[in-house]
Each structure stands twice: as structure tokens, then as C-alpha cells.
Amino acid sequence: MNEASTSYLGATKFLDIDHESVQAFAAAAVGEARTDRDKVKRLFAAVRDQIWYDPYAISDDPAHYRASFVLETGRAYCVPKAVLLTAVCRAVGIPALVGFADVRNHLQTDALRTSTGTDLFVYHGYSRLYIEGRWLKATPAFNSELCDRFGVPAMEFDGRHDALLHPFTADGARHMEYVRERGVFDDLPLSAVLTVLRHTYGPLIFTCARGVSDSAADPGGGPQPDVPAPSVTSDEPCRRPPSASTDVDPKRN
């Protein structure tokens, strides 16, 4: 962490970093790591793999989005997992925010398109993490066991580069496309998230969420003085990563 930095480190309604379970999880994950880069790599892997990715776990109950609740249940979709990663990073002194983007799946199955009515998955959650003077994006959505089941590599985060859903399959076909940034926030803007989910997929999303959210893929504080604010604004078009990936998405089938 930047020695002068005190921003984006506090507890919030959903980032309950002082909760005993959040503190214990963060401490166990970090272990003997000393640098922020090593800490964040371990925290990312712990959230990715110890919280099972569950696209059916979409809820409109605010309590279900607290970091401590995600740890209690052990399964969540991308938004609560991003909340947890953001919280545990703050718990060990790494400035962190919650970010969102709309993602288009170019390999969506007919069944999934029929279920959702669109190939657009709104408010995909990720974390924005301040590592050694740079803001990086990381999405811990898909656990390694799930990826192994589908025979694909799990997402890795090295603390130097963004770790986002892959734009291409192993054979070079278009896969996931980040089409719109929804912004980054000091705390989860749950009301906005639920409103857009309900508008996009209908009210049944919260009672029978079959494959919505980032299946098949997957108002915060303003700039603070000590940590430079991430250069992202709401509704900003996303840039496509420049090179193809060797990974494919584990939920494409």
C-alpha cells in the first residue's frame, strides 16, 4: 500500500471488514505474505476457490450481500464474490472498490438465451484493487473446481495485470465482451443493481434465477486525496483486451 494512503479502506454496510469471520478469512488467506502483491494474489485465490460460484443465488435481500454472509453461505454469484474480495483486501490494508460492467456473451446457448431473453449480462461484479501505485481489476467469480469440471483453466491474478472474463476461446472465437462500465463504488450500490436486474430480466430473477447474472460468463464516495481515483466513469464504453486468451468460459455449455 502507498505509505500515504488511507482511502478506500474503511468498513461499509456491505463491506463489514471488522466482522470476525472476515478478519479470520483474510488472515488465513494471507498467511506469511508480506507485500501487497503477494497478499492480493492469495486473497483472490481464496475468494475464487473457497466460495462456490452459484448463478442461482441471486437475491434481493440486502443481508445476503454482506461479506460476512457470503463467507457463512460459501456460495454466491459474481456480485457478492466481488464484495467479499473487496472487503478482505481492505481488511489487510489494501485500498479496494467494487466495480461493475455489462458483459455480452457471444457463445450463449439457445437455452440460455430463451431463459434470459438476451445475451447481455448486466452488473457483472468485479473488484478494483490498488496495488503498488496502480488500480487493477479482478473478478474472482469462477472457482477452480468448477473450471476443472469443464476442463478449462481457472482465472489467475498476478497482482500486475487485470484479471477479467476472457474475450476469446482457445480457438480464437469471440466469447465475452465487456460492453459498458457501470462505475466503481466505495460500497455496493445494491438498489441500482437490483433495479437494473429486475428491469432486464423481470421480477422472477430473484425467485428462480436460472442462469441469469453472469451464468454463461459470468452512489459510492468520490475521489479521495491519498489514493488517485480509478480512471473510470459510469457508462464509459469498455475497451476490448488486445490479445486472445487460451481460456474458455466454464459456463458456456
C-alpha atoms as a PDB file:
ATOM      1  CA  MET A   1       0.000   0.000   0.000  1.00  0.00           C
ATOM      2  CA  ASN A   2       1.170   3.525  -0.720  1.00  0.00           C
ATOM      3  CA  GLU A   3       2.587   4.779   2.572  1.00  0.00           C
ATOM      4  CA  ALA A   4       0.403   7.905   2.454  1.00  0.00           C
ATOM      5  CA  SER A   5      -2.740   6.049   1.513  1.00  0.00           C
ATOM      6  CA  THR A   6      -5.738   5.991   3.829  1.00  0.00           C
ATOM      7  CA  SER A   7      -8.513   5.923   1.229  1.00  0.00           C
ATOM      8  CA  TYR A   8     -10.957   3.154   0.359  1.00  0.00           C
ATOM      9  CA  LEU A   9     -10.019   1.145   3.435  1.00  0.00           C
ATOM     10  CA  GLY A  10     -12.979   1.542   5.774  1.00  0.00           C
ATOM     11  CA  ALA A  11     -15.922  -0.647   6.687  1.00  0.00           C
ATOM     12  CA  THR A  12     -19.264  -0.016   4.970  1.00  0.00           C
ATOM     13  CA  LYS A  13     -22.746  -1.515   5.124  1.00  0.00           C
ATOM     14  CA  PHE A  14     -21.782  -4.424   2.867  1.00  0.00           C
ATOM     15  CA  LEU A  15     -18.022  -4.425   3.348  1.00  0.00           C
ATOM     16  CA  ASP A  16     -18.196  -5.428   7.014  1.00  0.00           C
ATOM     17  CA  ILE A  17     -14.452  -5.786   7.327  1.00  0.00           C
ATOM     18  CA  ASP A  18     -14.494  -5.707  11.132  1.00  0.00           C
ATOM     19  CA  HIS A  19     -16.627  -8.852  11.311  1.00  0.00           C
ATOM     20  CA  GLU A  20     -14.766 -11.700  12.988  1.00  0.00           C
ATOM     21  CA  SER A  21     -15.259 -14.076  10.065  1.00  0.00           C
ATOM     22  CA  VAL A  22     -13.962 -11.546   7.526  1.00  0.00           C
ATOM     23  CA  GLN A  23     -10.893 -10.838   9.634  1.00  0.00           C
ATOM     24  CA  ALA A  24     -10.215 -14.541  10.144  1.00  0.00           C
ATOM     25  CA  PHE A  25     -10.656 -15.396   6.460  1.00  0.00           C
ATOM     26  CA  ALA A  26      -8.318 -12.591   5.390  1.00  0.00           C
ATOM     27  CA  ALA A  27      -5.646 -13.525   7.918  1.00  0.00           C
ATOM     28  CA  ALA A  28      -5.746 -17.201   6.991  1.00  0.00           C
ATOM     29  CA  ALA A  29      -5.586 -16.454   3.270  1.00  0.00           C
ATOM     30  CA  VAL A  30      -2.689 -14.012   3.530  1.00  0.00           C
ATOM     31  CA  GLY A  31      -0.623 -16.237   5.783  1.00  0.00           C
ATOM     32  CA  GLU A  32       3.046 -15.215   5.709  1.00  0.00           C
ATOM     33  CA  ALA A  33       2.734 -12.922   2.671  1.00  0.00           C
ATOM     34  CA  ARG A  34       4.326  -9.537   3.229  1.00  0.00           C
ATOM     35  CA  THR A  35       3.877  -7.440   0.084  1.00  0.00           C
ATOM     36  CA  ASP A  36       0.517  -6.164  -1.135  1.00  0.00           C
ATOM     37  CA  ARG A  37       1.025  -8.035  -4.397  1.00  0.00           C
ATOM     38  CA  ASP A  38       1.560 -11.353  -2.652  1.00  0.00           C
ATOM     39  CA  LYS A  39      -1.327 -10.688  -0.273  1.00  0.00           C
ATOM     40  CA  VAL A  40      -3.781  -9.867  -3.051  1.00  0.00           C
ATOM     41  CA  LYS A  41      -2.810 -12.938  -5.062  1.00  0.00           C
ATOM     42  CA  ARG A  42      -3.603 -15.155  -2.077  1.00  0.00           C
ATOM     43  CA  LEU A  43      -6.822 -13.313  -1.260  1.00  0.00           C
ATOM     44  CA  PHE A  44      -8.015 -13.578  -4.861  1.00  0.00           C
ATOM     45  CA  ALA A  45      -7.368 -17.317  -4.963  1.00  0.00           C
ATOM     46  CA  ALA A  46      -9.087 -17.835  -1.609  1.00  0.00           C
ATOM     47  CA  VAL A  47     -12.262 -15.990  -2.624  1.00  0.00           C
ATOM     48  CA  ARG A  48     -12.265 -17.632  -6.059  1.00  0.00           C
ATOM     49  CA  ASP A  49     -11.971 -21.178  -4.740  1.00  0.00           C
ATOM     50  CA  GLN A  50     -13.469 -21.194  -1.238  1.00  0.00           C
ATOM     51  CA  ILE A  51     -16.720 -19.538  -2.338  1.00  0.00           C
ATOM     52  CA  TRP A  52     -18.559 -21.693  -4.866  1.00  0.00           C
ATOM     53  CA  TYR A  53     -19.845 -19.820  -7.905  1.00  0.00           C
ATOM     54  CA  ASP A  54     -23.651 -20.138  -7.919  1.00  0.00           C
ATOM     55  CA  PRO A  55     -25.601 -18.257 -10.623  1.00  0.00           C
ATOM     56  CA  TYR A  56     -28.854 -19.295  -8.931  1.00  0.00           C
ATOM     57  CA  ALA A  57     -28.016 -17.374  -5.748  1.00  0.00           C
ATOM     58  CA  ILE A  58     -29.394 -14.021  -6.891  1.00  0.00           C
ATOM     59  CA  SER A  59     -31.312 -12.419  -4.028  1.00  0.00           C
ATOM     60  CA  ASP A  60     -32.999  -9.111  -3.265  1.00  0.00           C
ATOM     61  CA  ASP A  61     -32.293  -9.443   0.465  1.00  0.00           C
ATOM     62  CA  PRO A  62     -29.615  -6.873   1.400  1.00  0.00           C
ATOM     63  CA  ALA A  63     -28.271  -9.131   4.152  1.00  0.00           C
ATOM     64  CA  HIS A  64     -27.214 -11.661   1.518  1.00  0.00           C
ATOM     65  CA  TYR A  65     -24.722  -9.209   0.036  1.00  0.00           C
ATOM     66  CA  ARG A  66     -22.641  -8.583   3.153  1.00  0.00           C
ATOM     67  CA  ALA A  67     -19.143 -10.033   3.025  1.00  0.00           C
ATOM     68  CA  SER A  68     -19.704 -11.949   6.269  1.00  0.00           C
ATOM     69  CA  PHE A  69     -22.862 -13.567   4.875  1.00  0.00           C
ATOM     70  CA  VAL A  70     -21.025 -14.690   1.741  1.00  0.00           C
ATOM     71  CA  LEU A  71     -18.496 -16.426   3.973  1.00  0.00           C
ATOM     72  CA  GLU A  72     -21.280 -18.006   6.017  1.00  0.00           C
ATOM     73  CA  THR A  73     -23.051 -19.495   2.997  1.00  0.00           C
ATOM     74  CA  GLY A  74     -19.952 -20.388   0.994  1.00  0.00           C
ATOM     75  CA  ARG A  75     -21.613 -19.814  -2.377  1.00  0.00           C
ATOM     76  CA  ALA A  76     -22.566 -16.742  -4.384  1.00  0.00           C
ATOM     77  CA  TYR A  77     -22.754 -15.231  -7.837  1.00  0.00           C
ATOM     78  CA  CYS A  78     -20.296 -12.643  -9.131  1.00  0.00           C
ATOM     79  CA  VAL A  79     -21.588  -9.578  -7.244  1.00  0.00           C
ATOM     80  CA  PRO A  80     -21.311 -10.945  -3.673  1.00  0.00           C
ATOM     81  CA  LYS A  81     -17.973 -12.564  -4.532  1.00  0.00           C
ATOM     82  CA  ALA A  82     -16.672  -9.166  -5.674  1.00  0.00           C
ATOM     83  CA  VAL A  83     -17.973  -7.653  -2.437  1.00  0.00           C
ATOM     84  CA  LEU A  84     -16.073 -10.272  -0.449  1.00  0.00           C
ATOM     85  CA  LEU A  85     -12.813  -9.805  -2.338  1.00  0.00           C
ATOM     86  CA  THR A  86     -13.065  -6.043  -1.882  1.00  0.00           C
ATOM     87  CA  ALA A  87     -13.747  -6.474   1.840  1.00  0.00           C
ATOM     88  CA  VAL A  88     -10.890  -8.853   2.589  1.00  0.00           C
ATOM     89  CA  CYS A  89      -8.454  -6.663   0.677  1.00  0.00           C
ATOM     90  CA  ARG A  90      -9.473  -3.693   2.830  1.00  0.00           C
ATOM     91  CA  ALA A  91      -9.166  -5.874   5.914  1.00  0.00           C
ATOM     92  CA  VAL A  92      -5.429  -6.299   5.241  1.00  0.00           C
ATOM     93  CA  GLY A  93      -4.837  -2.665   4.303  1.00  0.00           C
ATOM     94  CA  ILE A  94      -5.210  -2.782   0.517  1.00  0.00           C
ATOM     95  CA  PRO A  95      -7.420   0.014  -0.882  1.00  0.00           C
ATOM     96  CA  ALA A  96     -10.290  -1.567  -2.790  1.00  0.00           C
ATOM     97  CA  LEU A  97     -13.548  -0.684  -4.541  1.00  0.00           C
ATOM     98  CA  VAL A  98     -16.448  -2.605  -6.060  1.00  0.00           C
ATOM     99  CA  GLY A  99     -16.832  -2.284  -9.832  1.00  0.00           C
ATOM    100  CA  PHE A 100     -19.464  -3.307 -12.351  1.00  0.00           C
ATOM    101  CA  ALA A 101     -19.794  -3.784 -16.090  1.00  0.00           C
ATOM    102  CA  ASP A 102     -22.300  -5.197 -18.555  1.00  0.00           C
ATOM    103  CA  VAL A 103     -20.967  -8.235 -20.405  1.00  0.00           C
ATOM    104  CA  ARG A 104     -22.127  -9.748 -23.693  1.00  0.00           C
ATOM    105  CA  ASN A 105     -21.742 -13.492 -24.261  1.00  0.00           C
ATOM    106  CA  HIS A 106     -21.094 -14.286 -27.919  1.00  0.00           C
ATOM    107  CA  LEU A 107     -21.293 -18.052 -27.322  1.00  0.00           C
ATOM    108  CA  GLN A 108     -24.568 -18.129 -25.464  1.00  0.00           C
ATOM    109  CA  THR A 109     -26.610 -21.306 -25.869  1.00  0.00           C
ATOM    110  CA  ASP A 110     -30.150 -21.222 -27.251  1.00  0.00           C
ATOM    111  CA  ALA A 111     -31.471 -22.457 -23.907  1.00  0.00           C
ATOM    112  CA  LEU A 112     -29.824 -19.642 -22.008  1.00  0.00           C
ATOM    113  CA  ARG A 113     -30.988 -17.025 -24.497  1.00  0.00           C
ATOM    114  CA  THR A 114     -34.540 -18.327 -24.125  1.00  0.00           C
ATOM    115  CA  SER A 115     -34.239 -18.177 -20.344  1.00  0.00           C
ATOM    116  CA  THR A 116     -32.855 -14.650 -20.133  1.00  0.00           C
ATOM    117  CA  GLY A 117     -34.224 -13.106 -23.325  1.00  0.00           C
ATOM    118  CA  THR A 118     -30.827 -11.538 -24.045  1.00  0.00           C
ATOM    119  CA  ASP A 119     -27.136 -12.272 -24.382  1.00  0.00           C
ATOM    120  CA  LEU A 120     -26.350  -9.273 -22.179  1.00  0.00           C
ATOM    121  CA  PHE A 121     -25.481  -9.862 -18.531  1.00  0.00           C
ATOM    122  CA  VAL A 122     -25.840  -6.656 -16.569  1.00  0.00           C
ATOM    123  CA  TYR A 123     -23.921  -5.551 -13.484  1.00  0.00           C
ATOM    124  CA  HIS A 124     -21.246  -8.218 -13.614  1.00  0.00           C
ATOM    125  CA  GLY A 125     -19.237  -7.601 -10.442  1.00  0.00           C
ATOM    126  CA  TYR A 126     -15.503  -7.277 -10.048  1.00  0.00           C
ATOM    127  CA  SER A 127     -13.066  -5.666  -7.594  1.00  0.00           C
ATOM    128  CA  ARG A 128     -10.865  -2.644  -8.259  1.00  0.00           C
ATOM    129  CA  LEU A 129      -7.675  -3.005  -6.232  1.00  0.00           C
ATOM    130  CA  TYR A 130      -4.859  -0.536  -5.576  1.00  0.00           C
ATOM    131  CA  ILE A 131      -1.587  -2.449  -5.872  1.00  0.00           C
ATOM    132  CA  GLU A 132       1.764  -0.693  -5.703  1.00  0.00           C
ATOM    133  CA  GLY A 133       0.539   2.559  -7.218  1.00  0.00           C
ATOM    134  CA  ARG A 134      -1.865   1.121  -9.813  1.00  0.00           C
ATOM    135  CA  TRP A 135      -5.575   0.315  -9.928  1.00  0.00           C
ATOM    136  CA  LEU A 136      -6.258  -3.199 -11.230  1.00  0.00           C
ATOM    137  CA  LYS A 137      -9.489  -5.085 -11.964  1.00  0.00           C
ATOM    138  CA  ALA A 138     -10.065  -8.647 -10.809  1.00  0.00           C
ATOM    139  CA  THR A 139     -13.108 -10.910 -10.953  1.00  0.00           C
ATOM    140  CA  PRO A 140     -12.961 -13.995  -8.691  1.00  0.00           C
ATOM    141  CA  ALA A 141     -16.256 -15.419  -9.979  1.00  0.00           C
ATOM    142  CA  PHE A 142     -15.437 -18.968 -11.153  1.00  0.00           C
ATOM    143  CA  ASN A 143     -13.945 -21.364  -8.617  1.00  0.00           C
ATOM    144  CA  SER A 144     -11.213 -23.733  -9.788  1.00  0.00           C
ATOM    145  CA  GLU A 145     -13.247 -26.870  -9.104  1.00  0.00           C
ATOM    146  CA  LEU A 146     -15.963 -25.611 -11.429  1.00  0.00           C
ATOM    147  CA  CYS A 147     -13.371 -24.848 -14.105  1.00  0.00           C
ATOM    148  CA  ASP A 148     -11.838 -28.303 -13.690  1.00  0.00           C
ATOM    149  CA  ARG A 149     -15.242 -29.855 -14.204  1.00  0.00           C
ATOM    150  CA  PHE A 150     -15.402 -28.172 -17.603  1.00  0.00           C
ATOM    151  CA  GLY A 151     -11.770 -28.841 -18.429  1.00  0.00           C
ATOM    152  CA  VAL A 152     -10.635 -25.220 -18.594  1.00  0.00           C
ATOM    153  CA  PRO A 153      -8.022 -23.217 -16.654  1.00  0.00           C
ATOM    154  CA  ALA A 154      -9.176 -21.109 -13.735  1.00  0.00           C
ATOM    155  CA  MET A 155      -8.750 -17.336 -13.807  1.00  0.00           C
ATOM    156  CA  GLU A 156      -5.417 -16.261 -12.337  1.00  0.00           C
ATOM    157  CA  PHE A 157      -4.497 -12.890 -10.827  1.00  0.00           C
ATOM    158  CA  ASP A 158      -0.829 -11.945 -10.584  1.00  0.00           C
ATOM    159  CA  GLY A 159      -1.262  -8.544  -8.965  1.00  0.00           C
ATOM    160  CA  ARG A 160       0.254  -6.879 -12.028  1.00  0.00           C
ATOM    161  CA  HIS A 161      -2.439  -7.179 -14.692  1.00  0.00           C
ATOM    162  CA  ASP A 162      -6.240  -7.105 -14.800  1.00  0.00           C
ATOM    163  CA  ALA A 163      -7.952 -10.475 -14.367  1.00  0.00           C
ATOM    164  CA  LEU A 164     -11.265 -10.266 -16.213  1.00  0.00           C
ATOM    165  CA  LEU A 165     -13.526 -12.618 -18.159  1.00  0.00           C
ATOM    166  CA  HIS A 166     -11.809 -13.789 -21.323  1.00  0.00           C
ATOM    167  CA  PRO A 167     -12.749 -12.229 -24.692  1.00  0.00           C
ATOM    168  CA  PHE A 168     -11.827 -15.270 -26.820  1.00  0.00           C
ATOM    169  CA  THR A 169     -11.989 -19.045 -26.693  1.00  0.00           C
ATOM    170  CA  ALA A 170      -8.947 -21.251 -27.207  1.00  0.00           C
ATOM    171  CA  ASP A 171      -9.669 -21.401 -30.941  1.00  0.00           C
ATOM    172  CA  GLY A 172      -9.958 -17.608 -31.259  1.00  0.00           C
ATOM    173  CA  ALA A 173     -13.750 -17.276 -31.367  1.00  0.00           C
ATOM    174  CA  ARG A 174     -15.289 -14.245 -29.700  1.00  0.00           C
ATOM    175  CA  HIS A 175     -16.560 -15.076 -26.249  1.00  0.00           C
ATOM    176  CA  MET A 176     -17.089 -12.466 -23.536  1.00  0.00           C
ATOM    177  CA  GLU A 177     -17.266  -8.775 -24.411  1.00  0.00           C
ATOM    178  CA  TYR A 178     -17.266  -6.002 -21.827  1.00  0.00           C
ATOM    179  CA  VAL A 179     -19.627  -3.503 -23.431  1.00  0.00           C
ATOM    180  CA  ARG A 180     -20.376  -0.940 -20.727  1.00  0.00           C
ATOM    181  CA  GLU A 181     -18.816   0.154 -17.471  1.00  0.00           C
ATOM    182  CA  ARG A 182     -21.292   0.809 -14.662  1.00  0.00           C
ATOM    183  CA  GLY A 183     -18.702   2.524 -12.479  1.00  0.00           C
ATOM    184  CA  VAL A 184     -16.709   1.821  -9.331  1.00  0.00           C
ATOM    185  CA  PHE A 185     -18.033   2.403  -5.827  1.00  0.00           C
ATOM    186  CA  ASP A 186     -16.891   2.682  -2.230  1.00  0.00           C
ATOM    187  CA  ASP A 187     -19.753   0.350  -1.264  1.00  0.00           C
ATOM    188  CA  LEU A 188     -22.156  -1.914  -3.125  1.00  0.00           C
ATOM    189  CA  PRO A 189     -24.879   0.228  -4.813  1.00  0.00           C
ATOM    190  CA  LEU A 190     -27.429  -2.525  -4.211  1.00  0.00           C
ATOM    191  CA  SER A 191     -30.552  -0.536  -5.061  1.00  0.00           C
ATOM    192  CA  ALA A 192     -29.167   0.328  -8.503  1.00  0.00           C
ATOM    193  CA  VAL A 193     -28.045  -3.256  -9.113  1.00  0.00           C
ATOM    194  CA  LEU A 194     -31.416  -4.758  -8.185  1.00  0.00           C
ATOM    195  CA  THR A 195     -33.329  -2.174 -10.210  1.00  0.00           C
ATOM    196  CA  VAL A 196     -31.405  -2.971 -13.388  1.00  0.00           C
ATOM    197  CA  LEU A 197     -31.592  -6.738 -12.820  1.00  0.00           C
ATOM    198  CA  ARG A 198     -35.351  -6.505 -12.346  1.00  0.00           C
ATOM    199  CA  HIS A 199     -35.775  -4.281 -15.418  1.00  0.00           C
ATOM    200  CA  THR A 200     -33.588  -6.500 -17.621  1.00  0.00           C
ATOM    201  CA  TYR A 201     -34.741  -9.967 -16.587  1.00  0.00           C
ATOM    202  CA  GLY A 202     -38.067  -9.436 -14.810  1.00  0.00           C
ATOM    203  CA  PRO A 203     -39.058  -9.825 -11.147  1.00  0.00           C
ATOM    204  CA  LEU A 204     -38.739 -13.621 -11.196  1.00  0.00           C
ATOM    205  CA  ILE A 205     -34.970 -13.187 -11.305  1.00  0.00           C
ATOM    206  CA  PHE A 206     -34.994 -13.167  -7.506  1.00  0.00           C
ATOM    207  CA  THR A 207     -37.045 -16.349  -7.106  1.00  0.00           C
ATOM    208  CA  CYS A 208     -35.971 -18.607  -9.972  1.00  0.00           C
ATOM    209  CA  ALA A 209     -32.740 -17.121 -11.291  1.00  0.00           C
ATOM    210  CA  ARG A 210     -31.909 -19.793 -13.852  1.00  0.00           C
ATOM    211  CA  GLY A 211     -28.628 -18.887 -15.419  1.00  0.00           C
ATOM    212  CA  VAL A 212     -29.040 -15.137 -15.253  1.00  0.00           C
ATOM    213  CA  SER A 213     -26.424 -12.748 -13.892  1.00  0.00           C
ATOM    214  CA  ASP A 214     -23.084 -13.892 -15.299  1.00  0.00           C
ATOM    215  CA  SER A 215     -24.004 -17.512 -15.973  1.00  0.00           C
ATOM    216  CA  ALA A 216     -22.519 -18.313 -19.326  1.00  0.00           C
ATOM    217  CA  ALA A 217     -19.736 -15.890 -18.463  1.00  0.00           C
ATOM    218  CA  ASP A 218     -20.008 -14.927 -15.918  1.00  0.00           C
ATOM    219  CA  PRO A 219     -23.648   6.018  -5.030  1.00  0.00           C
ATOM    220  CA  GLY A 220     -20.066   5.488  -3.852  1.00  0.00           C
ATOM    221  CA  GLY A 221     -17.630   8.035  -2.498  1.00  0.00           C
ATOM    222  CA  GLY A 222     -15.872  10.451  -4.798  1.00  0.00           C
ATOM    223  CA  PRO A 223     -12.132  10.728  -5.340  1.00  0.00           C
ATOM    224  CA  GLN A 224     -10.093  10.678  -2.140  1.00  0.00           C
ATOM    225  CA  PRO A 225      -6.921  12.708  -1.595  1.00  0.00           C
ATOM    226  CA  ASP A 226      -4.423   9.973  -0.748  1.00  0.00           C
ATOM    227  CA  VAL A 227      -5.130   7.379  -3.429  1.00  0.00           C
ATOM    228  CA  PRO A 228      -5.629   8.508  -7.037  1.00  0.00           C
ATOM    229  CA  ALA A 229      -9.165   7.689  -8.129  1.00  0.00           C
ATOM    230  CA  PRO A 230      -9.572   4.935 -10.742  1.00  0.00           C
ATOM    231  CA  SER A 231      -9.987   6.411 -14.204  1.00  0.00           C
ATOM    232  CA  VAL A 232     -13.450   5.082 -14.894  1.00  0.00           C
ATOM    233  CA  THR A 233     -16.822   6.764 -15.074  1.00  0.00           C
ATOM    234  CA  SER A 234     -20.334   5.393 -15.260  1.00  0.00           C
ATOM    235  CA  ASP A 235     -21.484   4.428 -18.764  1.00  0.00           C
ATOM    236  CA  GLU A 236     -17.943   4.520 -20.162  1.00  0.00           C
ATOM    237  CA  PRO A 237     -17.551   2.013 -23.037  1.00  0.00           C
ATOM    238  CA  CYS A 238     -15.136  -0.771 -22.187  1.00  0.00           C
ATOM    239  CA  ARG A 239     -12.024  -1.472 -24.204  1.00  0.00           C
ATOM    240  CA  ARG A 240     -11.567  -4.964 -25.606  1.00  0.00           C
ATOM    241  CA  PRO A 241      -8.334  -6.600 -24.416  1.00  0.00           C
ATOM    242  CA  PRO A 242      -5.803  -6.597 -27.268  1.00  0.00           C
ATOM    243  CA  SER A 243      -4.926 -10.279 -27.439  1.00  0.00           C
ATOM    244  CA  ALA A 244      -6.732 -13.596 -27.443  1.00  0.00           C
ATOM    245  CA  SER A 245      -6.830 -15.804 -24.369  1.00  0.00           C
ATOM    246  CA  THR A 246      -6.270 -19.518 -24.132  1.00  0.00           C
ATOM    247  CA  ASP A 247      -9.120 -19.892 -21.618  1.00  0.00           C
ATOM    248  CA  VAL A 248     -12.759 -20.547 -22.364  1.00  0.00           C
ATOM    249  CA  ASP A 249     -15.628 -19.803 -20.045  1.00  0.00           C
ATOM    250  CA  PRO A 250     -16.691 -22.694 -17.805  1.00  0.00           C
ATOM    251  CA  LYS A 251     -20.387 -21.908 -18.126  1.00  0.00           C
ATOM    252  CA  ARG A 252     -20.613 -21.789 -21.913  1.00  0.00           C
ATOM    253  CA  ASN A 253     -22.464 -25.138 -22.177  1.00  0.00           C
END
